[in-house]
């Protein structure tokens, strides 16, 4: 039987809380003194490491720091007619545009 609409959720984990495995992994890494983020930062700024690897580290880290951009549909109407310098000179001399 399903839950009635409008009734608050009861039981279970609260929203945003970590599960047991995540907490256990974080505790084990902390106990071992292992910080993968600091290792990657050290590698990214080390000029002795291959530039391609450094760039890959930076690109992979960016997805956690900045939102990903998505494609935007544009409905731009462009005027296919390009005004040439002859058109501009003709307009300055008061001549009507004969190509229009």
PDB file of N, CA and C in Angstrom:
ATOM      1  N   UNK A   1       0.845  -1.167   0.000  1.00  0.00           N
ATOM      2  CA  UNK A   1       0.000   0.000   0.000  1.00  0.00           C
ATOM      3  C   UNK A   1       0.889   1.227   0.000  1.00  0.00           C
ATOM      4  N   UNK A   2       0.553   2.196  -0.841  1.00  0.00           N
ATOM      5  CA  UNK A   2       1.360   3.400  -0.997  1.00  0.00           C
ATOM      6  C   UNK A   2       1.063   4.438   0.062  1.00  0.00           C
ATOM      7  N   UNK A   3       1.938   5.419   0.108  1.00  0.00           N
ATOM      8  CA  UNK A   3       1.805   6.526   1.061  1.00  0.00           C
ATOM      9  C   UNK A   3       0.796   7.534   0.516  1.00  0.00           C
ATOM     10  N   UNK A   4       0.016   8.095   1.390  1.00  0.00           N
ATOM     11  CA  UNK A   4      -0.964   9.095   1.002  1.00  0.00           C
ATOM     12  C   UNK A   4      -0.251  10.403   0.654  1.00  0.00           C
ATOM     13  N   UNK A   5      -0.714  11.090  -0.368  1.00  0.00           N
ATOM     14  CA  UNK A   5      -0.095  12.357  -0.777  1.00  0.00           C
ATOM     15  C   UNK A   5      -0.236  13.379   0.338  1.00  0.00           C
ATOM     16  N   UNK A   6       0.837  14.164   0.509  1.00  0.00           N
ATOM     17  CA  UNK A   6       0.812  15.218   1.510  1.00  0.00           C
ATOM     18  C   UNK A   6       1.297  14.786   2.881  1.00  0.00           C
ATOM     19  N   UNK A   7       1.515  13.494   3.076  1.00  0.00           N
ATOM     20  CA  UNK A   7       1.988  13.003   4.371  1.00  0.00           C
ATOM     21  C   UNK A   7       3.507  12.981   4.351  1.00  0.00           C
ATOM     22  N   UNK A   8       4.129  13.518   5.435  1.00  0.00           N
ATOM     23  CA  UNK A   8       5.581  13.572   5.507  1.00  0.00           C
ATOM     24  C   UNK A   8       6.179  12.180   5.598  1.00  0.00           C
ATOM     25  N   UNK A   9       7.420  12.064   5.081  1.00  0.00           N
ATOM     26  CA  UNK A   9       8.165  10.809   5.129  1.00  0.00           C
ATOM     27  C   UNK A   9       8.541  10.516   6.585  1.00  0.00           C
ATOM     28  N   UNK A  10       8.431   9.260   6.960  1.00  0.00           N
ATOM     29  CA  UNK A  10       8.844   8.870   8.303  1.00  0.00           C
ATOM     30  C   UNK A  10       9.850   7.735   8.199  1.00  0.00           C
ATOM     31  N   UNK A  11      10.794   7.681   9.136  1.00  0.00           N
ATOM     32  CA  UNK A  11      11.776   6.610   9.170  1.00  0.00           C
ATOM     33  C   UNK A  11      12.882   6.818   8.160  1.00  0.00           C
ATOM     34  N   UNK A  12      13.886   5.977   8.228  1.00  0.00           N
ATOM     35  CA  UNK A  12      15.000   6.033   7.291  1.00  0.00           C
ATOM     36  C   UNK A  12      15.990   7.118   7.624  1.00  0.00           C
ATOM     37  N   UNK A  13      17.009   7.266   6.765  1.00  0.00           N
ATOM     38  CA  UNK A  13      18.035   8.299   6.956  1.00  0.00           C
ATOM     39  C   UNK A  13      17.465   9.669   6.664  1.00  0.00           C
ATOM     40  N   UNK A  14      17.989  10.643   7.367  1.00  0.00           N
ATOM     41  CA  UNK A  14      17.585  12.007   7.046  1.00  0.00           C
ATOM     42  C   UNK A  14      18.274  12.428   5.746  1.00  0.00           C
ATOM     43  N   UNK A  15      17.676  13.327   5.029  1.00  0.00           N
ATOM     44  CA  UNK A  15      18.195  13.767   3.743  1.00  0.00           C
ATOM     45  C   UNK A  15      19.579  14.373   3.912  1.00  0.00           C
ATOM     46  N   UNK A  16      20.536  13.923   3.082  1.00  0.00           N
ATOM     47  CA  UNK A  16      21.883  14.459   3.100  1.00  0.00           C
ATOM     48  C   UNK A  16      22.849  13.740   4.031  1.00  0.00           C
ATOM     49  N   UNK A  17      22.344  12.834   4.856  1.00  0.00           N
ATOM     50  CA  UNK A  17      23.254  12.121   5.757  1.00  0.00           C
ATOM     51  C   UNK A  17      23.993  11.021   4.997  1.00  0.00           C
ATOM     52  N   UNK A  18      25.196  10.690   5.475  1.00  0.00           N
ATOM     53  CA  UNK A  18      26.040   9.704   4.804  1.00  0.00           C
ATOM     54  C   UNK A  18      25.663   8.299   5.267  1.00  0.00           C
ATOM     55  N   UNK A  19      25.849   7.333   4.363  1.00  0.00           N
ATOM     56  CA  UNK A  19      25.571   5.957   4.761  1.00  0.00           C
ATOM     57  C   UNK A  19      26.755   5.384   5.547  1.00  0.00           C
ATOM     58  N   UNK A  20      26.588   4.204   6.133  1.00  0.00           N
ATOM     59  CA  UNK A  20      27.601   3.623   7.014  1.00  0.00           C
ATOM     60  C   UNK A  20      28.917   3.371   6.297  1.00  0.00           C
ATOM     61  N   UNK A  21      28.869   2.902   5.069  1.00  0.00           N
ATOM     62  CA  UNK A  21      30.099   2.603   4.337  1.00  0.00           C
ATOM     63  C   UNK A  21      30.909   3.865   4.054  1.00  0.00           C
ATOM     64  N   UNK A  22      30.241   4.948   3.714  1.00  0.00           N
ATOM     65  CA  UNK A  22      30.942   6.200   3.453  1.00  0.00           C
ATOM     66  C   UNK A  22      31.622   6.713   4.712  1.00  0.00           C
ATOM     67  N   UNK A  23      30.908   6.669   5.833  1.00  0.00           N
ATOM     68  CA  UNK A  23      31.477   7.122   7.102  1.00  0.00           C
ATOM     69  C   UNK A  23      32.666   6.244   7.484  1.00  0.00           C
ATOM     70  N   UNK A  24      32.534   4.921   7.304  1.00  0.00           N
ATOM     71  CA  UNK A  24      33.626   3.994   7.624  1.00  0.00           C
ATOM     72  C   UNK A  24      34.860   4.276   6.769  1.00  0.00           C
ATOM     73  N   UNK A  25      34.675   4.485   5.472  1.00  0.00           N
ATOM     74  CA  UNK A  25      35.793   4.779   4.579  1.00  0.00           C
ATOM     75  C   UNK A  25      36.479   6.086   4.980  1.00  0.00           C
ATOM     76  N   UNK A  26      35.701   7.123   5.255  1.00  0.00           N
ATOM     77  CA  UNK A  26      36.279   8.401   5.670  1.00  0.00           C
ATOM     78  C   UNK A  26      37.085   8.257   6.954  1.00  0.00           C
ATOM     79  N   UNK A  27      36.585   7.490   7.909  1.00  0.00           N
ATOM     80  CA  UNK A  27      37.302   7.277   9.172  1.00  0.00           C
ATOM     81  C   UNK A  27      38.608   6.520   8.951  1.00  0.00           C
ATOM     82  N   UNK A  28      38.576   5.498   8.108  1.00  0.00           N
ATOM     83  CA  UNK A  28      39.789   4.718   7.851  1.00  0.00           C
ATOM     84  C   UNK A  28      40.848   5.569   7.143  1.00  0.00           C
ATOM     85  N   UNK A  29      40.448   6.384   6.182  1.00  0.00           N
ATOM     86  CA  UNK A  29      41.391   7.260   5.496  1.00  0.00           C
ATOM     87  C   UNK A  29      41.990   8.282   6.463  1.00  0.00           C
ATOM     88  N   UNK A  30      41.148   8.812   7.347  1.00  0.00           N
ATOM     89  CA  UNK A  30      41.626   9.800   8.319  1.00  0.00           C
ATOM     90  C   UNK A  30      42.630   9.158   9.287  1.00  0.00           C
ATOM     91  N   UNK A  31      42.336   7.943   9.752  1.00  0.00           N
ATOM     92  CA  UNK A  31      43.236   7.231  10.665  1.00  0.00           C
ATOM     93  C   UNK A  31      44.586   6.941  10.013  1.00  0.00           C
ATOM     94  N   UNK A  32      44.569   6.636   8.719  1.00  0.00           N
ATOM     95  CA  UNK A  32      45.801   6.313   7.996  1.00  0.00           C
ATOM     96  C   UNK A  32      46.559   7.585   7.588  1.00  0.00           C
ATOM     97  N   UNK A  33      45.936   8.737   7.743  1.00  0.00           N
ATOM     98  CA  UNK A  33      46.573   9.984   7.346  1.00  0.00           C
ATOM     99  C   UNK A  33      46.642  10.154   5.842  1.00  0.00           C
ATOM    100  N   UNK A  34      45.720   9.517   5.127  1.00  0.00           N
ATOM    101  CA  UNK A  34      45.697   9.557   3.668  1.00  0.00           C
ATOM    102  C   UNK A  34      44.690  10.597   3.212  1.00  0.00           C
ATOM    103  N   UNK A  35      45.163  11.586   2.457  1.00  0.00           N
ATOM    104  CA  UNK A  35      44.293  12.630   1.922  1.00  0.00           C
ATOM    105  C   UNK A  35      44.501  12.705   0.413  1.00  0.00           C
ATOM    106  N   UNK A  36      43.653  12.035  -0.360  1.00  0.00           N
ATOM    107  CA  UNK A  36      43.852  12.007  -1.808  1.00  0.00           C
ATOM    108  C   UNK A  36      43.764  13.387  -2.458  1.00  0.00           C
ATOM    109  N   UNK A  37      42.987  14.288  -1.900  1.00  0.00           N
ATOM    110  CA  UNK A  37      42.859  15.625  -2.483  1.00  0.00           C
ATOM    111  C   UNK A  37      44.187  16.371  -2.395  1.00  0.00           C
ATOM    112  N   UNK A  38      44.840  16.302  -1.239  1.00  0.00           N
ATOM    113  CA  UNK A  38      46.119  17.011  -1.107  1.00  0.00           C
ATOM    114  C   UNK A  38      47.181  16.406  -2.020  1.00  0.00           C
ATOM    115  N   UNK A  39      47.138  15.093  -2.236  1.00  0.00           N
ATOM    116  CA  UNK A  39      48.088  14.442  -3.146  1.00  0.00           C
ATOM    117  C   UNK A  39      47.864  14.945  -4.574  1.00  0.00           C
ATOM    118  N   UNK A  40      46.610  15.025  -4.998  1.00  0.00           N
ATOM    119  CA  UNK A  40      46.308  15.507  -6.342  1.00  0.00           C
ATOM    120  C   UNK A  40      46.694  16.974  -6.515  1.00  0.00           C
ATOM    121  N   UNK A  41      46.469  17.782  -5.488  1.00  0.00           N
ATOM    122  CA  UNK A  41      46.853  19.192  -5.568  1.00  0.00           C
ATOM    123  C   UNK A  41      48.367  19.306  -5.695  1.00  0.00           C
ATOM    124  N   UNK A  42      49.099  18.521  -4.893  1.00  0.00           N
ATOM    125  CA  UNK A  42      50.564  18.541  -4.984  1.00  0.00           C
ATOM    126  C   UNK A  42      51.037  18.149  -6.380  1.00  0.00           C
ATOM    127  N   UNK A  43      50.377  17.147  -6.975  1.00  0.00           N
ATOM    128  CA  UNK A  43      50.752  16.713  -8.320  1.00  0.00           C
ATOM    129  C   UNK A  43      50.417  17.782  -9.360  1.00  0.00           C
ATOM    130  N   UNK A  44      49.292  18.456  -9.186  1.00  0.00           N
ATOM    131  CA  UNK A  44      48.851  19.450 -10.162  1.00  0.00           C
ATOM    132  C   UNK A  44      49.776  20.659 -10.207  1.00  0.00           C
ATOM    133  N   UNK A  45      50.420  20.991  -9.102  1.00  0.00           N
ATOM    134  CA  UNK A  45      51.302  22.157  -9.082  1.00  0.00           C
ATOM    135  C   UNK A  45      52.773  21.797  -9.260  1.00  0.00           C
ATOM    136  N   UNK A  46      53.087  20.502  -9.300  1.00  0.00           N
ATOM    137  CA  UNK A  46      54.470  20.055  -9.459  1.00  0.00           C
ATOM    138  C   UNK A  46      54.867  20.141 -10.934  1.00  0.00           C
ATOM    139  N   UNK A  47      55.796  21.025 -11.257  1.00  0.00           N
ATOM    140  CA  UNK A  47      56.200  21.224 -12.655  1.00  0.00           C
ATOM    141  C   UNK A  47      57.065  20.076 -13.193  1.00  0.00           C
ATOM    142  N   UNK A  48      57.504  19.173 -12.339  1.00  0.00           N
ATOM    143  CA  UNK A  48      58.299  18.020 -12.783  1.00  0.00           C
ATOM    144  C   UNK A  48      57.423  16.899 -13.336  1.00  0.00           C
ATOM    145  N   UNK A  49      56.134  16.977 -13.098  1.00  0.00           N
ATOM    146  CA  UNK A  49      55.197  15.956 -13.588  1.00  0.00           C
ATOM    147  C   UNK A  49      54.732  16.359 -14.983  1.00  0.00           C
ATOM    148  N   UNK A  50      54.473  15.359 -15.822  1.00  0.00           N
ATOM    149  CA  UNK A  50      54.034  15.568 -17.200  1.00  0.00           C
ATOM    150  C   UNK A  50      52.845  16.539 -17.257  1.00  0.00           C
ATOM    151  N   UNK A  51      52.920  17.480 -18.167  1.00  0.00           N
ATOM    152  CA  UNK A  51      51.884  18.510 -18.296  1.00  0.00           C
ATOM    153  C   UNK A  51      50.521  17.897 -18.635  1.00  0.00           C
ATOM    154  N   UNK A  52      50.511  16.817 -19.412  1.00  0.00           N
ATOM    155  CA  UNK A  52      49.244  16.162 -19.757  1.00  0.00           C
ATOM    156  C   UNK A  52      48.550  15.591 -18.532  1.00  0.00           C
ATOM    157  N   UNK A  53      49.330  14.979 -17.635  1.00  0.00           N
ATOM    158  CA  UNK A  53      48.767  14.422 -16.406  1.00  0.00           C
ATOM    159  C   UNK A  53      48.271  15.541 -15.495  1.00  0.00           C
ATOM    160  N   UNK A  54      49.027  16.615 -15.422  1.00  0.00           N
ATOM    161  CA  UNK A  54      48.612  17.750 -14.597  1.00  0.00           C
ATOM    162  C   UNK A  54      47.304  18.346 -15.120  1.00  0.00           C
ATOM    163  N   UNK A  55      47.200  18.453 -16.442  1.00  0.00           N
ATOM    164  CA  UNK A  55      45.972  18.986 -17.040  1.00  0.00           C
ATOM    165  C   UNK A  55      44.794  18.067 -16.761  1.00  0.00           C
ATOM    166  N   UNK A  56      45.011  16.757 -16.841  1.00  0.00           N
ATOM    167  CA  UNK A  56      43.945  15.781 -16.577  1.00  0.00           C
ATOM    168  C   UNK A  56      43.458  15.901 -15.142  1.00  0.00           C
ATOM    169  N   UNK A  57      44.380  16.061 -14.203  1.00  0.00           N
ATOM    170  CA  UNK A  57      44.002  16.221 -12.800  1.00  0.00           C
ATOM    171  C   UNK A  57      43.140  17.468 -12.631  1.00  0.00           C
ATOM    172  N   UNK A  58      43.560  18.558 -13.248  1.00  0.00           N
ATOM    173  CA  UNK A  58      42.811  19.812 -13.143  1.00  0.00           C
ATOM    174  C   UNK A  58      41.425  19.691 -13.767  1.00  0.00           C
ATOM    175  N   UNK A  59      41.336  19.070 -14.938  1.00  0.00           N
ATOM    176  CA  UNK A  59      40.036  18.911 -15.603  1.00  0.00           C
ATOM    177  C   UNK A  59      39.097  18.034 -14.789  1.00  0.00           C
ATOM    178  N   UNK A  60      39.650  16.964 -14.208  1.00  0.00           N
ATOM    179  CA  UNK A  60      38.811  16.083 -13.397  1.00  0.00           C
ATOM    180  C   UNK A  60      38.329  16.786 -12.132  1.00  0.00           C
ATOM    181  N   UNK A  61      39.162  17.632 -11.550  1.00  0.00           N
ATOM    182  CA  UNK A  61      38.781  18.342 -10.331  1.00  0.00           C
ATOM    183  C   UNK A  61      37.745  19.428 -10.612  1.00  0.00           C
ATOM    184  N   UNK A  62      37.779  20.009 -11.804  1.00  0.00           N
ATOM    185  CA  UNK A  62      36.866  21.107 -12.138  1.00  0.00           C
ATOM    186  C   UNK A  62      35.401  20.707 -12.066  1.00  0.00           C
ATOM    187  N   UNK A  63      35.099  19.445 -12.357  1.00  0.00           N
ATOM    188  CA  UNK A  63      33.696  19.034 -12.351  1.00  0.00           C
ATOM    189  C   UNK A  63      33.097  19.061 -10.941  1.00  0.00           C
ATOM    190  N   UNK A  64      33.951  19.068  -9.917  1.00  0.00           N
ATOM    191  CA  UNK A  64      33.464  19.144  -8.546  1.00  0.00           C
ATOM    192  C   UNK A  64      33.445  20.583  -8.022  1.00  0.00           C
ATOM    193  N   UNK A  65      34.094  21.484  -8.728  1.00  0.00           N
ATOM    194  CA  UNK A  65      34.187  22.867  -8.275  1.00  0.00           C
ATOM    195  C   UNK A  65      33.253  23.802  -9.021  1.00  0.00           C
ATOM    196  N   UNK A  66      32.988  23.506 -10.297  1.00  0.00           N
ATOM    197  CA  UNK A  66      32.184  24.392 -11.134  1.00  0.00           C
ATOM    198  C   UNK A  66      31.057  23.616 -11.787  1.00  0.00           C
ATOM    199  N   UNK A  67      29.918  24.266 -12.005  1.00  0.00           N
ATOM    200  CA  UNK A  67      28.813  23.569 -12.682  1.00  0.00           C
ATOM    201  C   UNK A  67      29.160  23.302 -14.137  1.00  0.00           C
ATOM    202  N   UNK A  68      28.658  22.200 -14.652  1.00  0.00           N
ATOM    203  CA  UNK A  68      28.883  21.871 -16.057  1.00  0.00           C
ATOM    204  C   UNK A  68      27.972  22.743 -16.904  1.00  0.00           C
ATOM    205  N   UNK A  69      28.503  23.203 -18.005  1.00  0.00           N
ATOM    206  CA  UNK A  69      27.727  24.022 -18.928  1.00  0.00           C
ATOM    207  C   UNK A  69      26.968  23.110 -19.876  1.00  0.00           C
ATOM    208  N   UNK A  70      25.764  23.504 -20.186  1.00  0.00           N
ATOM    209  CA  UNK A  70      24.994  22.715 -21.139  1.00  0.00           C
ATOM    210  C   UNK A  70      24.761  23.541 -22.397  1.00  0.00           C
ATOM    211  N   UNK A  71      24.452  22.841 -23.461  1.00  0.00           N
ATOM    212  CA  UNK A  71      24.222  23.510 -24.736  1.00  0.00           C
ATOM    213  C   UNK A  71      22.961  24.356 -24.653  1.00  0.00           C
ATOM    214  N   UNK A  72      23.010  25.500 -25.279  1.00  0.00           N
ATOM    215  CA  UNK A  72      21.857  26.399 -25.289  1.00  0.00           C
ATOM    216  C   UNK A  72      21.370  26.532 -26.722  1.00  0.00           C
ATOM    217  N   UNK A  73      20.076  26.302 -26.916  1.00  0.00           N
ATOM    218  CA  UNK A  73      19.495  26.495 -28.242  1.00  0.00           C
ATOM    219  C   UNK A  73      19.334  27.987 -28.478  1.00  0.00           C
ATOM    220  N   UNK A  74      19.768  28.421 -29.636  1.00  0.00           N
ATOM    221  CA  UNK A  74      19.614  29.836 -29.953  1.00  0.00           C
ATOM    222  C   UNK A  74      18.796  29.979 -31.226  1.00  0.00           C
ATOM    223  N   UNK A  75      17.934  30.935 -31.211  1.00  0.00           N
ATOM    224  CA  UNK A  75      17.113  31.242 -32.381  1.00  0.00           C
ATOM    225  C   UNK A  75      17.519  32.611 -32.893  1.00  0.00           C
ATOM    226  N   UNK A  76      18.729  32.688 -33.391  1.00  0.00           N
ATOM    227  CA  UNK A  76      19.267  33.950 -33.870  1.00  0.00           C
ATOM    228  C   UNK A  76      18.979  34.073 -35.362  1.00  0.00           C
ATOM    229  N   UNK A  77      18.392  35.194 -35.732  1.00  0.00           N
ATOM    230  CA  UNK A  77      18.129  35.452 -37.149  1.00  0.00           C
ATOM    231  C   UNK A  77      19.201  36.402 -37.641  1.00  0.00           C
ATOM    232  N   UNK A  78      19.950  35.951 -38.592  1.00  0.00           N
ATOM    233  CA  UNK A  78      21.036  36.756 -39.127  1.00  0.00           C
ATOM    234  C   UNK A  78      20.639  37.354 -40.467  1.00  0.00           C
ATOM    235  N   UNK A  79      21.032  38.590 -40.686  1.00  0.00           N
ATOM    236  CA  UNK A  79      20.800  39.240 -41.967  1.00  0.00           C
ATOM    237  C   UNK A  79      21.889  38.745 -42.917  1.00  0.00           C
ATOM    238  N   UNK A  80      21.480  38.107 -44.000  1.00  0.00           N
ATOM    239  CA  UNK A  80      22.449  37.506 -44.916  1.00  0.00           C
ATOM    240  C   UNK A  80      23.186  38.555 -45.737  1.00  0.00           C
ATOM    241  N   UNK A  81      22.677  39.772 -45.787  1.00  0.00           N
ATOM    242  CA  UNK A  81      23.296  40.817 -46.577  1.00  0.00           C
ATOM    243  C   UNK A  81      24.426  41.465 -45.787  1.00  0.00           C
ATOM    244  N   UNK A  82      25.582  41.543 -46.380  1.00  0.00           N
ATOM    245  CA  UNK A  82      26.742  42.168 -45.766  1.00  0.00           C
ATOM    246  C   UNK A  82      26.993  43.490 -46.464  1.00  0.00           C
ATOM    247  N   UNK A  83      27.123  44.528 -45.665  1.00  0.00           N
ATOM    248  CA  UNK A  83      27.366  45.848 -46.245  1.00  0.00           C
ATOM    249  C   UNK A  83      28.858  45.968 -46.580  1.00  0.00           C
ATOM    250  N   UNK A  84      29.135  46.291 -47.835  1.00  0.00           N
ATOM    251  CA  UNK A  84      30.523  46.426 -48.282  1.00  0.00           C
ATOM    252  C   UNK A  84      30.960  47.876 -48.155  1.00  0.00           C
ATOM    253  N   UNK A  85      32.229  48.098 -48.369  1.00  0.00           N
ATOM    254  CA  UNK A  85      32.734  49.470 -48.288  1.00  0.00           C
ATOM    255  C   UNK A  85      32.193  50.314 -49.437  1.00  0.00           C
ATOM    256  N   UNK A  86      31.887  49.646 -50.566  1.00  0.00           N
ATOM    257  CA  UNK A  86      31.288  50.389 -51.677  1.00  0.00           C
ATOM    258  C   UNK A  86      29.901  50.889 -51.286  1.00  0.00           C
ATOM    259  N   UNK A  87      29.142  50.065 -50.550  1.00  0.00           N
ATOM    260  CA  UNK A  87      27.821  50.487 -50.085  1.00  0.00           C
ATOM    261  C   UNK A  87      27.936  51.694 -49.166  1.00  0.00           C
ATOM    262  N   UNK A  88      28.906  51.655 -48.280  1.00  0.00           N
ATOM    263  CA  UNK A  88      29.091  52.755 -47.344  1.00  0.00           C
ATOM    264  C   UNK A  88      29.481  54.042 -48.067  1.00  0.00           C
ATOM    265  N   UNK A  89      30.375  53.944 -49.044  1.00  0.00           N
ATOM    266  CA  UNK A  89      30.789  55.122 -49.812  1.00  0.00           C
ATOM    267  C   UNK A  89      29.600  55.661 -50.597  1.00  0.00           C
ATOM    268  N   UNK A  90      28.828  54.765 -51.189  1.00  0.00           N
ATOM    269  CA  UNK A  90      27.650  55.194 -51.939  1.00  0.00           C
ATOM    270  C   UNK A  90      26.646  55.892 -51.050  1.00  0.00           C
ATOM    271  N   UNK A  91      26.466  55.411 -49.809  1.00  0.00           N
ATOM    272  CA  UNK A  91      25.543  56.046 -48.866  1.00  0.00           C
ATOM    273  C   UNK A  91      26.050  57.422 -48.448  1.00  0.00           C
ATOM    274  N   UNK A  92      27.348  57.554 -48.329  1.00  0.00           N
ATOM    275  CA  UNK A  92      27.919  58.866 -47.969  1.00  0.00           C
ATOM    276  C   UNK A  92      27.722  59.873 -49.077  1.00  0.00           C
ATOM    277  N   UNK A  93      27.778  59.424 -50.338  1.00  0.00           N
ATOM    278  CA  UNK A  93      27.617  60.329 -51.482  1.00  0.00           C
ATOM    279  C   UNK A  93      26.160  60.595 -51.795  1.00  0.00           C
ATOM    280  N   UNK A  94      25.240  59.984 -51.037  1.00  0.00           N
ATOM    281  CA  UNK A  94      23.818  60.233 -51.250  1.00  0.00           C
ATOM    282  C   UNK A  94      23.215  59.362 -52.314  1.00  0.00           C
ATOM    283  N   UNK A  95      23.910  58.347 -52.786  1.00  0.00           N
ATOM    284  CA  UNK A  95      23.373  57.474 -53.820  1.00  0.00           C
ATOM    285  C   UNK A  95      22.478  56.422 -53.178  1.00  0.00           C
ATOM    286  N   UNK A  96      21.421  56.083 -53.829  1.00  0.00           N
ATOM    287  CA  UNK A  96      20.511  55.054 -53.346  1.00  0.00           C
ATOM    288  C   UNK A  96      21.155  53.699 -53.528  1.00  0.00           C
ATOM    289  N   UNK A  97      20.865  52.799 -52.645  1.00  0.00           N
ATOM    290  CA  UNK A  97      21.412  51.442 -52.727  1.00  0.00           C
ATOM    291  C   UNK A  97      20.652  50.683 -53.811  1.00  0.00           C
ATOM    292  N   UNK A  98      21.331  50.372 -54.894  1.00  0.00           N
ATOM    293  CA  UNK A  98      20.685  49.733 -56.036  1.00  0.00           C
ATOM    294  C   UNK A  98      20.543  48.221 -55.888  1.00  0.00           C
ATOM    295  N   UNK A  99      21.241  47.645 -54.933  1.00  0.00           N
ATOM    296  CA  UNK A  99      21.214  46.188 -54.797  1.00  0.00           C
ATOM    297  C   UNK A  99      20.042  45.708 -53.946  1.00  0.00           C
ATOM    298  N   UNK A 100      19.387  46.546 -53.227  1.00  0.00           N
ATOM    299  CA  UNK A 100      18.346  46.142 -52.298  1.00  0.00           C
ATOM    300  C   UNK A 100      17.101  45.697 -52.968  1.00  0.00           C
TER     301      UNK A 100
END
